[in-house]
Amino acid sequence: MTSVEERVAGDPGRAVADGEAFGRLVRTLALARRHRVFLPVLASAVVLRLVAMLGFQGAMWFPDSYDYVSGALSLTPNLIRPSGYSLFLWLLSPFHSFALVVLVQHAMGVAVGVMVYALLRHRFGLPGWAASVAAVPALFDAFGMQLEHLIMSDTPFTFLLTLAMTLALWEKKPSARRMALVCLLVGLAAVTRSVGLPILVVTLAWLVVRRAGRRAVVAGLVAGLLPVALYAGWFSSRTNRFGLTYSTGIFLYSRTMPFADCRKIKPPVGELPLCIDTPPAKRGRSQFYIWGRVSPFHRLGARKFTPDIENRAGDFAQRAIIAQPGDYAETVTSDLLRTFRWHHPPFPDSDTYDYYLFQPHPPQPPSTAVARMRPYDPGHVTTKVVRPYASVMRVYQRYFFVRGTVFGLILLLGLGALVRRRWDALLPWTIAVVAIVVPPTTAEFDYRYVIPALPAACLAAALAFTRRTGETDDVTDRREPVHAI
C-alpha cells in the first residue's frame, strides 16, 4: 500500500471524522449563502438587544409587574388578569434572576422575527430580501425591544401567537395533530393575555373556513380549550368560580364611562352607585374609573374585584352600550384611530407612557414591592442604568419604531392580499385585526397592545406579493429547498 493508503487504513475513524467535518462546513457555508441577506439583519437585531441589556441591567418595571412576580412566588391565580405569565416566571424561578427572564424575552423577540422570515422563505418562496423586510418590524421596533425588557406578559404572548401562525401555515395541508398543537399554543396565549380568547375563536373559525376536516377541527377545539379549562379550574380552586378573572365586566364598565348617561341607561337600584354626574366632556380616561381615588367602585365596598361587583359592572356596561350604541362606537373608534397616528404622543397619560421608554432614570419598584420580590431574585431587583449603552438605546428609540401610519399601510397590504385571493393571509391578518380592535372595544387603547399584532400584520402584508395558493404549489415543488435558521 502507498503511504496515504496506509495512513487511512491505520486510522479510518479520523478520515471519516474529517469527511464529516468537511461536510458540515460545506452545509454551513451553503446555509449562510442562502440566507446572506437575512444574517446581517439578524446579527444587528441581536447586537441591539445586547446593548439594551448592557445599558439597562436587570429588568424594567411596570405596575402590573409586581402582581406577576407575586403570582409566580405564591402560585395563586390573579383576580384581575390571567396568570399565564406568572407561570412562565415560575418556570424560570429556580435561576433566581430577572436578568435571565429579560434575556429569554429578548430571545423570544428575535425568534419572532426569525419565524416570520423562515415561514415566508420556506412555504411561500419569497426572495431573501423580501422576507427580511417583512421581519424588520418585529426585529427592530424600539418599543417592542423595550417591552422585551419589561416584566410583562406581552413578549411571551407575541411569541406564542407567532409560533402558532408559523406552524399553521408551514405546510399547505397540515395534519390534525399539527392543528391541535397550533390551537394549544393559542390556548396558552389566552391564559397569558385575555385577548387570546377571541383569537382562539378566530383560529378555530379559520380551521372551518379552510375546510381542514372534522378531525382537525375537533382536535383543535379540544387542544385549544384544554389550557383554558385547566386554568379556569385552577382559578376556581381559589375563588370557587369557574373562570379566568373577576375583571371582564369591570374593564368593560370603564370603557363606557366616557359617555355613560344614567338618564338614558336607567339602571336598577343595585347599579345606581356606578352612575356619575360629571358631563362627558369633562370626564377623565376610562381606566380612571377603576383605579382613580374617586372611582365609583369605592361606593360598593373595600374589595373591588369580587363576583358581585364584576356582575353589576358588566350588567351596567351592557345596558350603556345598548342604550347609547352611537356613543360607544364613537368612543371605540376614537381610541382605535390612535393606533394609526404618525407621531407617538404620550397616552393614556404621561406617567403610563414613561414606562414604555428607555429612560435615564427608569421607574423603580417601591420598597414594599422590592421586599416581596426578593425571594425571586435576591441580588438585582432594581434597574441599573449604564452609559453609554443606555444612551444608545434612548437615541435609538427616539427614531426607530413603527409609525402608526406605517402600521396602517401594512394592514392595508394584508387586506390587499385577501382581495387578491391570497387566502393564506386570512389567519395572520385576522389575528392582527383582533389584537388591535379588542382592547379599545373592551378596555382602552394602549401602545403596547399593538406590538403583538406587528408580526401577524407583516406576514399577511408579505403574502400580497406572492402568487395565489394554487399557483405557488407548482413553483414550490420545483424550487431549491430553503432551510430555516
Protein backbone atom coordinates (compact mmCIF):
# COMPACT_ATOMS: atom_id res chain seq x y z
CA MET A 1 0.00 0.00 0.00
CA THR A 2 1.06 3.58 -0.53
CA SER A 3 1.82 5.76 2.43
CA VAL A 4 -1.52 7.58 2.07
CA GLU A 5 -3.43 4.29 1.96
CA GLU A 6 -1.51 3.05 4.99
CA ARG A 7 -2.44 6.14 6.97
CA VAL A 8 -6.13 5.81 6.07
CA ALA A 9 -6.13 2.09 6.83
CA GLY A 10 -4.37 2.71 10.11
CA ASP A 11 -6.77 5.46 11.23
CA PRO A 12 -10.10 5.11 9.38
CA GLY A 13 -12.02 6.88 12.17
CA ARG A 14 -10.11 10.08 11.71
CA ALA A 15 -10.67 10.07 7.95
CA VAL A 16 -14.41 9.65 8.46
CA ALA A 17 -14.43 12.40 11.08
CA ASP A 18 -12.54 14.73 8.76
CA GLY A 19 -15.06 13.96 6.00
CA GLU A 20 -17.99 14.67 8.29
CA ALA A 21 -16.41 17.93 9.43
CA PHE A 22 -15.85 18.96 5.82
CA GLY A 23 -19.46 18.10 5.01
CA ARG A 24 -20.73 20.17 7.92
CA LEU A 25 -18.57 23.08 6.78
CA VAL A 26 -19.97 22.86 3.25
CA ARG A 27 -23.54 22.76 4.56
CA THR A 28 -22.89 25.70 6.87
CA LEU A 29 -21.44 27.78 4.04
CA ALA A 30 -24.37 26.87 1.80
CA LEU A 31 -26.80 27.89 4.55
CA ALA A 32 -25.00 31.20 5.04
CA ARG A 33 -25.04 31.87 1.29
CA ARG A 34 -28.75 31.05 1.07
CA HIS A 35 -29.56 33.48 3.89
CA ARG A 36 -26.83 36.04 3.19
CA VAL A 37 -29.29 38.94 3.23
CA PHE A 38 -31.01 37.97 6.47
CA LEU A 39 -27.99 37.03 8.57
CA PRO A 40 -26.62 40.61 8.87
CA VAL A 41 -30.16 41.78 9.71
CA LEU A 42 -30.44 39.11 12.39
CA ALA A 43 -26.99 39.91 13.80
CA SER A 44 -27.87 43.62 14.05
CA ALA A 45 -31.08 42.82 15.93
CA VAL A 46 -29.15 40.62 18.39
CA VAL A 47 -26.48 43.31 18.93
CA LEU A 48 -29.12 45.95 19.70
CA ARG A 49 -30.65 43.72 22.35
CA LEU A 50 -27.25 43.08 23.88
CA VAL A 51 -26.72 46.85 24.04
CA ALA A 52 -30.10 47.18 25.79
CA MET A 53 -29.12 44.54 28.35
CA LEU A 54 -25.78 46.24 28.97
CA GLY A 55 -27.40 49.68 29.26
CA PHE A 56 -30.32 48.67 31.49
CA GLN A 57 -29.02 45.87 33.65
CA GLY A 58 -31.68 43.80 35.31
CA ALA A 59 -35.34 44.11 34.37
CA MET A 60 -37.52 47.16 33.81
CA TRP A 61 -40.78 47.55 35.66
CA PHE A 62 -44.47 48.33 35.08
CA PRO A 63 -47.10 48.50 37.86
CA ASP A 64 -48.55 45.15 36.74
CA SER A 65 -45.12 43.51 37.05
CA TYR A 66 -45.30 43.17 40.81
CA ASP A 67 -48.51 41.12 40.69
CA TYR A 68 -47.00 38.82 38.07
CA VAL A 69 -43.95 38.14 40.25
CA SER A 70 -46.09 37.67 43.36
CA GLY A 71 -48.17 35.14 41.46
CA ALA A 72 -45.02 33.27 40.43
CA LEU A 73 -43.85 33.11 44.05
CA SER A 74 -47.18 32.11 45.59
CA LEU A 75 -48.56 30.12 42.62
CA THR A 76 -52.01 31.64 43.03
CA PRO A 77 -54.13 32.97 40.13
CA ASN A 78 -54.63 36.71 39.87
CA LEU A 79 -58.15 38.12 40.12
CA ILE A 80 -57.54 40.95 37.62
CA ARG A 81 -55.60 39.39 34.72
CA PRO A 82 -54.76 35.82 33.64
CA SER A 83 -51.67 34.43 35.34
CA GLY A 84 -50.13 32.53 32.44
CA TYR A 85 -47.18 34.91 32.56
CA SER A 86 -46.75 34.22 36.28
CA LEU A 87 -46.44 30.53 35.41
CA PHE A 88 -43.77 31.43 32.85
CA LEU A 89 -41.90 33.33 35.57
CA TRP A 90 -42.34 30.37 37.91
CA LEU A 91 -40.66 28.08 35.36
CA LEU A 92 -37.60 30.36 35.44
CA SER A 93 -37.71 30.97 39.20
CA PRO A 94 -35.11 28.27 40.10
CA PHE A 95 -32.46 30.52 38.50
CA HIS A 96 -33.39 33.49 40.76
CA SER A 97 -32.57 36.01 38.04
CA PHE A 98 -34.71 38.76 36.49
CA ALA A 99 -31.82 39.32 34.08
CA LEU A 100 -32.36 35.77 32.79
CA VAL A 101 -36.07 36.49 32.31
CA VAL A 102 -35.15 39.55 30.24
CA LEU A 103 -32.62 37.53 28.24
CA VAL A 104 -35.23 34.86 27.45
CA GLN A 105 -37.73 37.53 26.42
CA HIS A 106 -35.20 39.19 24.12
CA ALA A 107 -34.51 35.77 22.61
CA MET A 108 -38.25 35.39 22.06
CA GLY A 109 -38.31 38.76 20.29
CA VAL A 110 -35.53 37.64 17.96
CA ALA A 111 -37.25 34.28 17.42
CA VAL A 112 -40.45 36.06 16.33
CA GLY A 113 -38.56 37.82 13.55
CA VAL A 114 -36.82 34.58 12.54
CA MET A 115 -40.18 32.78 12.32
CA VAL A 116 -41.63 35.47 10.05
CA TYR A 117 -38.60 35.20 7.76
CA ALA A 118 -38.43 31.39 7.79
CA LEU A 119 -42.13 30.94 7.02
CA LEU A 120 -42.06 33.35 4.10
CA ARG A 121 -38.98 31.65 2.65
CA HIS A 122 -39.93 28.02 3.30
CA ARG A 123 -43.62 27.92 2.43
CA PHE A 124 -44.12 30.89 0.13
CA GLY A 125 -40.76 31.14 -1.61
CA LEU A 126 -40.20 34.87 -1.13
CA PRO A 127 -36.71 36.14 -2.01
CA GLY A 128 -34.37 36.61 0.93
CA TRP A 129 -34.55 40.40 0.77
CA ALA A 130 -38.37 40.44 0.76
CA ALA A 131 -38.68 38.01 3.68
CA SER A 132 -36.05 40.04 5.56
CA VAL A 133 -38.02 43.25 5.05
CA ALA A 134 -41.13 41.56 6.46
CA ALA A 135 -39.17 40.54 9.58
CA VAL A 136 -37.70 44.00 10.20
CA PRO A 137 -40.63 45.49 12.23
CA ALA A 138 -40.55 42.60 14.71
CA LEU A 139 -36.77 42.67 14.96
CA PHE A 140 -36.11 46.41 15.16
CA ASP A 141 -39.13 48.20 16.64
CA ALA A 142 -37.68 50.04 19.65
CA PHE A 143 -40.88 49.89 21.69
CA GLY A 144 -41.02 46.15 21.09
CA MET A 145 -37.44 45.82 22.38
CA GLN A 146 -38.35 47.84 25.46
CA LEU A 147 -41.36 45.58 26.09
CA GLU A 148 -38.99 42.61 25.98
CA HIS A 149 -37.08 44.28 28.80
CA LEU A 150 -40.19 44.70 30.97
CA ILE A 151 -41.50 42.09 33.36
CA MET A 152 -44.75 41.91 31.41
CA SER A 153 -46.74 39.29 29.53
CA ASP A 154 -46.65 40.87 26.07
CA THR A 155 -43.48 39.27 24.70
CA PRO A 156 -44.35 35.62 25.58
CA PHE A 157 -47.86 36.31 24.26
CA THR A 158 -46.46 37.54 20.93
CA PHE A 159 -44.08 34.59 20.76
CA LEU A 160 -46.88 32.06 21.30
CA LEU A 161 -49.10 33.65 18.64
CA THR A 162 -46.30 33.85 16.07
CA LEU A 163 -45.25 30.26 16.72
CA ALA A 164 -48.88 29.15 16.28
CA MET A 165 -49.20 31.03 12.96
CA THR A 166 -45.89 29.65 11.72
CA LEU A 167 -46.91 26.06 12.46
CA ALA A 168 -50.37 26.59 10.98
CA LEU A 169 -49.00 27.88 7.66
CA TRP A 170 -45.74 25.90 7.43
CA GLU A 171 -47.35 23.24 5.24
CA LYS A 172 -50.09 23.54 2.65
CA LYS A 173 -52.17 20.77 4.27
CA PRO A 174 -51.11 20.41 7.92
CA SER A 175 -52.18 17.35 9.83
CA ALA A 176 -54.82 17.25 12.55
CA ARG A 177 -52.02 16.75 15.07
CA ARG A 178 -50.30 19.94 13.92
CA MET A 179 -53.60 21.86 14.09
CA ALA A 180 -54.08 20.62 17.63
CA LEU A 181 -50.63 21.96 18.53
CA VAL A 182 -51.48 25.31 16.89
CA CYS A 183 -54.67 25.67 18.91
CA LEU A 184 -52.89 24.54 22.08
CA LEU A 185 -50.41 27.40 21.63
CA VAL A 186 -53.24 29.89 21.12
CA GLY A 187 -54.96 28.49 24.22
CA LEU A 188 -51.74 29.09 26.18
CA ALA A 189 -51.71 32.64 24.78
CA ALA A 190 -55.31 33.06 26.01
CA VAL A 191 -54.29 32.35 29.61
CA THR A 192 -51.38 34.76 29.19
CA ARG A 193 -53.44 37.70 27.93
CA SER A 194 -57.24 37.85 27.74
CA VAL A 195 -57.24 38.99 24.11
CA GLY A 196 -56.05 35.48 23.29
CA LEU A 197 -59.59 34.14 23.83
CA PRO A 198 -61.15 35.86 20.78
CA ILE A 199 -58.01 34.92 18.83
CA LEU A 200 -58.66 31.28 19.75
CA VAL A 201 -62.20 31.65 18.38
CA VAL A 202 -60.78 33.16 15.18
CA THR A 203 -58.28 30.30 14.83
CA LEU A 204 -60.98 27.66 15.20
CA ALA A 205 -63.16 29.52 12.69
CA TRP A 206 -60.20 29.59 10.30
CA LEU A 207 -59.95 25.79 10.53
CA VAL A 208 -63.59 25.55 9.49
CA VAL A 209 -63.27 28.08 6.66
CA ARG A 210 -60.18 26.41 5.20
CA ARG A 211 -62.00 23.04 5.33
CA ALA A 212 -59.37 21.42 7.48
CA GLY A 213 -61.67 18.50 8.16
CA ARG A 214 -63.76 17.40 11.09
CA ARG A 215 -60.88 15.61 12.78
CA ALA A 216 -58.64 18.71 12.67
CA VAL A 217 -61.42 20.99 13.92
CA VAL A 218 -62.27 18.69 16.84
CA ALA A 219 -58.60 18.22 17.70
CA GLY A 220 -58.06 21.98 17.57
CA LEU A 221 -61.12 22.66 19.72
CA VAL A 222 -60.08 20.17 22.40
CA ALA A 223 -56.43 21.26 22.43
CA GLY A 224 -57.28 24.98 22.41
CA LEU A 225 -59.75 24.72 25.26
CA LEU A 226 -57.54 22.43 27.36
CA PRO A 227 -55.24 25.15 28.85
CA VAL A 228 -58.23 27.47 29.25
CA ALA A 229 -60.22 24.82 31.14
CA LEU A 230 -57.25 23.82 33.29
CA TYR A 231 -56.59 27.44 34.16
CA ALA A 232 -60.27 28.06 34.95
CA GLY A 233 -60.20 25.03 37.25
CA TRP A 234 -57.13 26.42 38.99
CA PHE A 235 -58.87 29.79 39.30
CA SER A 236 -61.95 28.13 40.82
CA SER A 237 -59.77 26.41 43.43
CA ARG A 238 -59.11 29.85 44.89
CA THR A 239 -62.37 31.62 44.10
CA ASN A 240 -65.00 28.86 43.83
CA ARG A 241 -65.90 30.32 40.44
CA PHE A 242 -65.01 28.71 37.11
CA GLY A 243 -63.44 31.50 35.06
CA LEU A 244 -60.26 33.37 34.21
CA THR A 245 -60.67 36.67 36.11
CA TYR A 246 -63.03 38.87 38.08
CA SER A 247 -62.31 41.88 35.88
CA THR A 248 -64.00 41.48 32.48
CA GLY A 249 -67.17 43.34 33.44
CA ILE A 250 -65.22 45.94 35.41
CA PHE A 251 -62.99 46.81 32.46
CA LEU A 252 -65.99 46.95 30.12
CA TYR A 253 -67.67 49.29 32.61
CA SER A 254 -64.64 51.58 32.46
CA ARG A 255 -64.87 51.53 28.66
CA THR A 256 -68.39 53.02 28.85
CA MET A 257 -67.61 55.73 31.40
CA PRO A 258 -66.55 58.41 28.88
CA PHE A 259 -70.18 58.55 27.70
CA ALA A 260 -72.50 56.57 30.04
CA ASP A 261 -75.62 58.61 30.94
CA CYS A 262 -77.78 57.01 33.62
CA ARG A 263 -80.80 59.05 32.46
CA LYS A 264 -80.66 57.05 29.24
CA ILE A 265 -79.48 53.78 30.72
CA LYS A 266 -81.99 53.65 33.61
CA PRO A 267 -80.07 51.06 35.64
CA PRO A 268 -81.67 49.11 38.51
CA VAL A 269 -81.19 50.27 42.08
CA GLY A 270 -78.26 47.94 42.69
CA GLU A 271 -76.26 49.61 39.90
CA LEU A 272 -77.08 53.25 40.73
CA PRO A 273 -73.81 53.70 42.73
CA LEU A 274 -71.95 53.18 39.45
CA CYS A 275 -73.52 56.31 37.93
CA ILE A 276 -71.62 59.62 37.76
CA ASP A 277 -72.91 63.15 37.14
CA THR A 278 -69.79 64.62 35.51
CA PRO A 279 -70.56 65.86 31.97
CA PRO A 280 -68.94 63.61 29.33
CA ALA A 281 -66.79 66.47 28.05
CA LYS A 282 -65.11 66.77 31.47
CA ARG A 283 -64.60 63.08 32.21
CA GLY A 284 -61.16 61.52 32.50
CA ARG A 285 -59.72 58.47 30.74
CA SER A 286 -61.54 55.16 31.07
CA GLN A 287 -59.11 53.48 33.48
CA PHE A 288 -59.52 56.35 35.94
CA TYR A 289 -62.93 54.92 36.84
CA ILE A 290 -61.29 51.72 38.03
CA TRP A 291 -58.10 52.94 39.68
CA GLY A 292 -58.86 56.60 40.47
CA ARG A 293 -59.28 57.88 44.02
CA VAL A 294 -62.91 58.85 43.36
CA SER A 295 -63.80 55.70 41.41
CA PRO A 296 -67.50 54.77 41.78
CA PHE A 297 -66.40 51.31 42.91
CA HIS A 298 -65.41 52.81 46.27
CA ARG A 299 -69.11 53.19 46.98
CA LEU A 300 -69.59 49.43 46.75
CA GLY A 301 -67.09 48.35 49.39
CA ALA A 302 -63.39 47.96 50.05
CA ARG A 303 -62.93 44.97 47.76
CA LYS A 304 -63.27 45.80 44.07
CA PHE A 305 -62.70 42.56 42.18
CA THR A 306 -65.45 40.31 43.50
CA PRO A 307 -68.12 38.28 41.66
CA ASP A 308 -70.87 40.65 42.81
CA ILE A 309 -69.15 43.84 41.62
CA GLU A 310 -67.94 42.10 38.46
CA ASN A 311 -71.54 41.12 37.60
CA ARG A 312 -73.01 44.53 38.43
CA ALA A 313 -70.35 46.40 36.46
CA GLY A 314 -70.73 44.10 33.47
CA ASP A 315 -74.51 44.44 33.50
CA PHE A 316 -74.23 48.24 33.74
CA ALA A 317 -71.81 48.30 30.80
CA GLN A 318 -74.09 46.20 28.62
CA ARG A 319 -77.01 48.49 29.41
CA ALA A 320 -74.89 51.52 28.50
CA ILE A 321 -73.83 50.02 25.16
CA ILE A 322 -77.41 49.05 24.24
CA ALA A 323 -78.81 52.44 25.30
CA GLN A 324 -76.02 54.50 23.66
CA PRO A 325 -74.62 52.46 20.74
CA GLY A 326 -73.57 55.57 18.82
CA ASP A 327 -71.60 56.97 21.76
CA TYR A 328 -69.96 53.60 22.33
CA ALA A 329 -68.98 53.30 18.66
CA GLU A 330 -67.58 56.84 18.70
CA THR A 331 -65.50 56.15 21.82
CA VAL A 332 -64.10 52.89 20.44
CA THR A 333 -63.37 54.40 17.02
CA SER A 334 -61.60 57.39 18.54
CA ASP A 335 -59.38 55.09 20.57
CA LEU A 336 -58.76 52.70 17.68
CA LEU A 337 -57.62 55.54 15.40
CA ARG A 338 -54.81 56.30 17.85
CA THR A 339 -53.21 53.11 16.52
CA PHE A 340 -52.57 54.78 13.16
CA ARG A 341 -51.13 58.15 14.17
CA TRP A 342 -47.83 59.14 12.62
CA HIS A 343 -46.47 60.56 15.86
CA HIS A 344 -46.26 58.69 19.15
CA PRO A 345 -47.80 61.16 21.65
CA PRO A 346 -47.95 60.06 25.29
CA PHE A 347 -51.09 58.06 26.01
CA PRO A 348 -53.10 57.16 28.07
CA ASP A 349 -51.13 59.57 30.25
CA SER A 350 -47.52 60.65 30.56
CA ASP A 351 -46.91 58.55 33.68
CA THR A 352 -48.03 55.34 31.96
CA TYR A 353 -46.24 56.20 28.72
CA ASP A 354 -42.94 56.71 30.56
CA TYR A 355 -42.92 53.04 31.50
CA TYR A 356 -42.51 52.23 27.78
CA LEU A 357 -39.35 54.29 27.36
CA PHE A 358 -35.65 53.64 27.82
CA GLN A 359 -35.21 56.47 30.32
CA PRO A 360 -32.10 57.85 32.04
CA HIS A 361 -33.89 57.15 35.33
CA PRO A 362 -36.41 54.34 34.70
CA PRO A 363 -39.22 53.79 37.23
CA GLN A 364 -38.11 51.55 40.07
CA PRO A 365 -40.35 49.27 42.12
CA PRO A 366 -41.42 50.69 45.50
CA SER A 367 -39.72 49.35 48.60
CA THR A 368 -42.74 47.22 49.54
CA ALA A 369 -42.68 45.54 46.11
CA VAL A 370 -38.91 45.05 46.33
CA ALA A 371 -39.32 43.23 49.64
CA ARG A 372 -41.99 40.95 48.15
CA MET A 373 -39.89 40.14 45.08
CA ARG A 374 -36.56 39.50 46.82
CA PRO A 375 -37.16 35.73 47.01
CA TYR A 376 -37.30 35.62 43.21
CA ASP A 377 -34.02 37.49 42.71
CA PRO A 378 -32.14 38.39 45.91
CA GLY A 379 -29.47 40.30 44.02
CA HIS A 380 -30.92 42.56 41.33
CA VAL A 381 -34.48 43.84 41.63
CA THR A 382 -33.91 47.47 40.69
CA THR A 383 -32.75 48.57 37.22
CA LYS A 384 -29.15 49.72 36.89
CA VAL A 385 -28.51 52.25 34.11
CA VAL A 386 -25.06 52.02 32.48
CA ARG A 387 -23.79 54.57 29.97
CA PRO A 388 -23.02 54.85 27.08
CA TYR A 389 -25.11 51.77 26.25
CA ALA A 390 -28.26 53.25 27.78
CA SER A 391 -27.78 56.46 25.81
CA VAL A 392 -27.55 54.47 22.58
CA MET A 393 -30.92 52.83 23.25
CA ARG A 394 -32.54 56.13 24.21
CA VAL A 395 -31.46 57.73 20.94
CA TYR A 396 -32.44 54.61 19.00
CA GLN A 397 -35.95 54.60 20.48
CA ARG A 398 -36.44 58.21 19.50
CA TYR A 399 -36.22 57.41 15.79
CA PHE A 400 -36.57 53.69 15.12
CA PHE A 401 -40.08 52.44 15.69
CA VAL A 402 -43.02 51.51 13.51
CA ARG A 403 -45.10 54.62 12.97
CA GLY A 404 -48.83 54.15 13.38
CA THR A 405 -49.43 55.28 9.80
CA VAL A 406 -46.92 52.74 8.54
CA PHE A 407 -48.65 50.04 10.57
CA GLY A 408 -51.93 51.05 8.94
CA LEU A 409 -50.34 50.67 5.48
CA ILE A 410 -49.07 47.21 6.48
CA LEU A 411 -52.63 46.23 7.43
CA LEU A 412 -53.92 47.57 4.11
CA LEU A 413 -51.35 45.46 2.26
CA GLY A 414 -52.60 42.42 4.16
CA LEU A 415 -56.16 43.29 3.18
CA GLY A 416 -54.92 43.62 -0.38
CA ALA A 417 -53.59 40.08 -0.16
CA LEU A 418 -57.09 38.87 0.68
CA VAL A 419 -58.61 40.93 -2.13
CA ARG A 420 -56.17 39.21 -4.48
CA ARG A 421 -57.33 35.87 -3.05
CA ARG A 422 -54.13 35.03 -1.20
CA TRP A 423 -56.15 33.07 1.32
CA ASP A 424 -53.12 32.08 3.41
CA ALA A 425 -53.10 35.70 4.61
CA LEU A 426 -56.52 35.24 6.24
CA LEU A 427 -55.29 33.83 9.55
CA PRO A 428 -52.45 36.31 10.28
CA TRP A 429 -54.43 39.32 9.04
CA THR A 430 -57.46 38.43 11.15
CA ILE A 431 -55.29 37.84 14.21
CA ALA A 432 -53.64 41.25 13.73
CA VAL A 433 -57.03 42.98 13.44
CA VAL A 434 -58.46 41.22 16.51
CA ALA A 435 -55.32 42.07 18.52
CA ILE A 436 -55.74 45.81 17.89
CA VAL A 437 -59.56 46.01 17.93
CA VAL A 438 -60.41 44.05 21.09
CA PRO A 439 -58.51 46.24 23.65
CA PRO A 440 -60.19 49.57 22.74
CA THR A 441 -63.51 47.74 22.46
CA THR A 442 -63.36 46.19 25.92
CA ALA A 443 -60.99 48.40 27.93
CA GLU A 444 -58.80 51.15 26.47
CA PHE A 445 -56.13 51.74 23.83
CA ASP A 446 -52.51 51.33 24.83
CA TYR A 447 -49.42 51.38 22.59
CA ARG A 448 -48.16 48.08 23.93
CA TYR A 449 -51.31 46.33 22.71
CA VAL A 450 -50.24 46.99 19.11
CA ILE A 451 -46.88 45.20 19.38
CA PRO A 452 -48.26 41.62 19.28
CA ALA A 453 -50.14 42.47 16.08
CA LEU A 454 -46.98 43.51 14.18
CA PRO A 455 -45.63 40.06 13.18
CA ALA A 456 -49.06 38.85 12.08
CA ALA A 457 -49.72 42.02 10.07
CA CYS A 458 -46.31 41.78 8.37
CA LEU A 459 -46.89 38.15 7.44
CA ALA A 460 -50.22 39.00 5.83
CA ALA A 461 -48.73 42.01 4.02
CA ALA A 462 -45.85 39.97 2.61
CA LEU A 463 -48.31 37.44 1.19
CA ALA A 464 -49.74 40.20 -1.02
CA PHE A 465 -46.58 39.78 -3.11
CA THR A 466 -46.91 36.03 -3.60
CA ARG A 467 -48.92 34.07 -6.12
CA ARG A 468 -52.24 32.56 -5.20
CA THR A 469 -52.15 29.30 -3.28
CA GLY A 470 -52.96 27.25 -6.35
CA GLU A 471 -50.23 29.00 -8.34
CA THR A 472 -47.46 28.65 -5.75
CA ASP A 473 -47.71 24.92 -5.33
CA ASP A 474 -46.03 24.08 -8.62
CA VAL A 475 -43.34 26.68 -8.03
CA THR A 476 -42.77 25.43 -4.52
CA ASP A 477 -42.23 21.90 -5.74
CA ARG A 478 -39.54 23.00 -8.23
CA ARG A 479 -37.57 25.49 -6.19
CA GLU A 480 -34.46 24.73 -4.16
CA PRO A 481 -35.40 23.76 -0.58
CA VAL A 482 -34.96 26.53 1.97
CA HIS A 483 -33.82 25.62 5.45
CA ALA A 484 -34.93 27.76 8.36
CA ILE A 485 -32.30 29.18 10.68
